[in-house]
């Protein structure tokens, strides 16, 4: 079930989420009736999500990427609703943001798979004393 996040808690919510889900794989989708649904990001790690008000206008900034060559920032102007669907601490979740025009942004967060580095066989040889 999606939980609505009250506007007065958006700063804390996004700060906490960004810390707990830093580096998690993302899929960012826009759902818009006029231009259709679009995928903006698929597979880049989360750097952070920030809520702030500039010149009295609320804005949410989504930052994803691995390095300078693979980095994206998306700004959502005048958001009016934020929700979160938690799929468990180790599975992921979905952030739902809606702007004043009814456009929805879905940020799907997927727990990165652990990296398998392989293994090495060691042979221990005991030296005998004669």
Protein backbone atom coordinates (compact mmCIF):
# COMPACT_ATOMS: atom_id res chain seq x y z
CA UNK A 1 0.00 0.00 0.00
CA UNK A 2 1.31 3.43 -0.94
CA UNK A 3 1.82 5.81 2.00
CA UNK A 4 1.18 9.52 1.39
CA UNK A 5 4.01 11.67 2.75
CA UNK A 6 2.81 15.02 4.20
CA UNK A 7 4.49 18.04 2.59
CA UNK A 8 6.01 19.19 5.88
CA UNK A 9 7.96 15.89 6.00
CA UNK A 10 9.26 15.89 2.40
CA UNK A 11 12.72 17.25 3.30
CA UNK A 12 13.30 14.63 6.00
CA UNK A 13 11.76 11.86 3.90
CA UNK A 14 13.98 12.51 0.87
CA UNK A 15 17.11 13.02 3.00
CA UNK A 16 16.53 9.72 4.81
CA UNK A 17 15.60 7.84 1.64
CA UNK A 18 18.67 9.18 -0.18
CA UNK A 19 20.97 7.96 2.61
CA UNK A 20 19.36 4.53 2.95
CA UNK A 21 19.05 3.89 -0.81
CA UNK A 22 22.24 5.58 -2.05
CA UNK A 23 23.68 3.56 -4.93
CA UNK A 24 20.55 1.48 -5.45
CA UNK A 25 19.53 0.89 -9.06
CA UNK A 26 16.76 3.18 -10.33
CA UNK A 27 14.11 3.24 -12.99
CA UNK A 28 12.51 6.66 -13.44
CA UNK A 29 9.27 6.86 -15.42
CA UNK A 30 7.01 9.76 -16.35
CA UNK A 31 3.29 9.11 -16.71
CA UNK A 32 1.65 11.92 -18.67
CA UNK A 33 -1.63 11.78 -20.59
CA UNK A 34 -0.60 14.46 -23.11
CA UNK A 35 2.82 13.16 -24.18
CA UNK A 36 2.48 9.53 -23.11
CA UNK A 37 4.51 7.44 -20.72
CA UNK A 38 8.30 7.67 -20.93
CA UNK A 39 11.25 6.00 -19.24
CA UNK A 40 13.89 8.59 -18.31
CA UNK A 41 16.32 6.34 -16.45
CA UNK A 42 16.82 2.59 -16.39
CA UNK A 43 19.57 1.07 -14.28
CA UNK A 44 21.58 4.07 -13.04
CA UNK A 45 22.34 4.21 -9.30
CA UNK A 46 20.63 6.73 -7.05
CA UNK A 47 22.75 9.68 -5.90
CA UNK A 48 19.93 11.45 -4.09
CA UNK A 49 16.54 13.13 -4.14
CA UNK A 50 16.23 16.66 -2.75
CA UNK A 51 13.19 18.79 -1.96
CA UNK A 52 13.69 22.54 -1.77
CA UNK A 53 11.87 25.77 -2.41
CA UNK A 54 13.50 28.26 -4.76
CA UNK A 55 11.96 31.73 -4.95
CA UNK A 56 8.90 30.40 -3.12
CA UNK A 57 8.31 27.58 -5.61
CA UNK A 58 8.72 23.95 -4.51
CA UNK A 59 10.99 21.71 -6.54
CA UNK A 60 12.20 18.11 -6.33
CA UNK A 61 15.57 17.22 -7.86
CA UNK A 62 16.39 13.61 -8.71
CA UNK A 63 20.08 12.78 -9.25
CA UNK A 64 21.26 9.42 -10.62
CA UNK A 65 24.43 8.12 -12.21
CA UNK A 66 27.83 6.54 -11.78
CA UNK A 67 30.20 9.22 -13.05
CA UNK A 68 30.33 12.39 -15.14
CA UNK A 69 29.65 10.49 -18.39
CA UNK A 70 26.70 8.55 -16.98
CA UNK A 71 24.83 11.08 -14.86
CA UNK A 72 21.36 12.58 -15.05
CA UNK A 73 19.50 15.18 -13.02
CA UNK A 74 15.74 15.61 -13.34
CA UNK A 75 13.80 18.50 -11.80
CA UNK A 76 10.13 18.29 -11.02
CA UNK A 77 8.62 21.74 -10.60
CA UNK A 78 5.75 22.44 -8.24
CA UNK A 79 5.09 18.95 -6.85
CA UNK A 80 1.86 18.61 -4.91
CA UNK A 81 1.88 14.97 -3.80
CA UNK A 82 4.51 12.44 -2.69
CA UNK A 83 3.86 8.81 -1.88
CA UNK A 84 6.02 5.79 -1.10
CA UNK A 85 5.42 2.09 -1.62
CA UNK A 86 7.89 0.16 0.54
CA UNK A 87 8.68 -3.33 -0.66
CA UNK A 88 10.91 -4.11 2.33
CA UNK A 89 14.33 -2.90 3.44
CA UNK A 90 16.19 -5.28 1.18
CA UNK A 91 13.86 -5.42 -1.83
CA UNK A 92 13.30 -1.80 -2.81
CA UNK A 93 10.41 0.56 -3.17
CA UNK A 94 8.67 3.09 -5.39
CA UNK A 95 8.50 6.85 -4.87
CA UNK A 96 5.46 8.41 -6.52
CA UNK A 97 5.54 12.16 -7.16
CA UNK A 98 2.73 14.13 -8.79
CA UNK A 99 3.05 17.71 -10.02
CA UNK A 100 0.38 20.41 -10.18
CA UNK A 101 -0.63 19.37 -13.73
CA UNK A 102 -1.22 15.73 -12.79
CA UNK A 103 1.99 14.35 -14.32
CA UNK A 104 3.35 11.46 -12.27
CA UNK A 105 6.98 10.49 -11.76
CA UNK A 106 7.69 6.96 -10.54
CA UNK A 107 11.13 6.27 -9.10
CA UNK A 108 11.61 2.53 -8.68
CA UNK A 109 14.46 1.59 -6.36
CA UNK A 110 16.02 -1.85 -6.65
CA UNK A 111 18.53 -3.26 -4.19
CA UNK A 112 21.81 -3.80 -6.04
CA UNK A 113 22.97 -7.38 -6.28
CA UNK A 114 26.13 -8.14 -4.33
CA UNK A 115 29.25 -8.37 -6.44
CA UNK A 116 30.69 -11.84 -6.69
CA UNK A 117 34.44 -11.56 -6.77
CA UNK A 118 35.20 -15.23 -7.13
CA UNK A 119 37.45 -17.30 -4.97
CA UNK A 120 40.99 -18.51 -4.88
CA UNK A 121 42.25 -21.93 -3.88
CA UNK A 122 45.22 -21.94 -1.57
CA UNK A 123 47.50 -24.90 -0.98
CA UNK A 124 49.41 -24.90 2.26
CA UNK A 125 52.68 -26.76 2.16
CA UNK A 126 54.37 -27.56 5.42
CA UNK A 127 58.12 -27.59 5.35
CA UNK A 128 59.62 -30.57 7.11
CA UNK A 129 62.67 -30.15 9.28
CA UNK A 130 65.42 -32.73 8.87
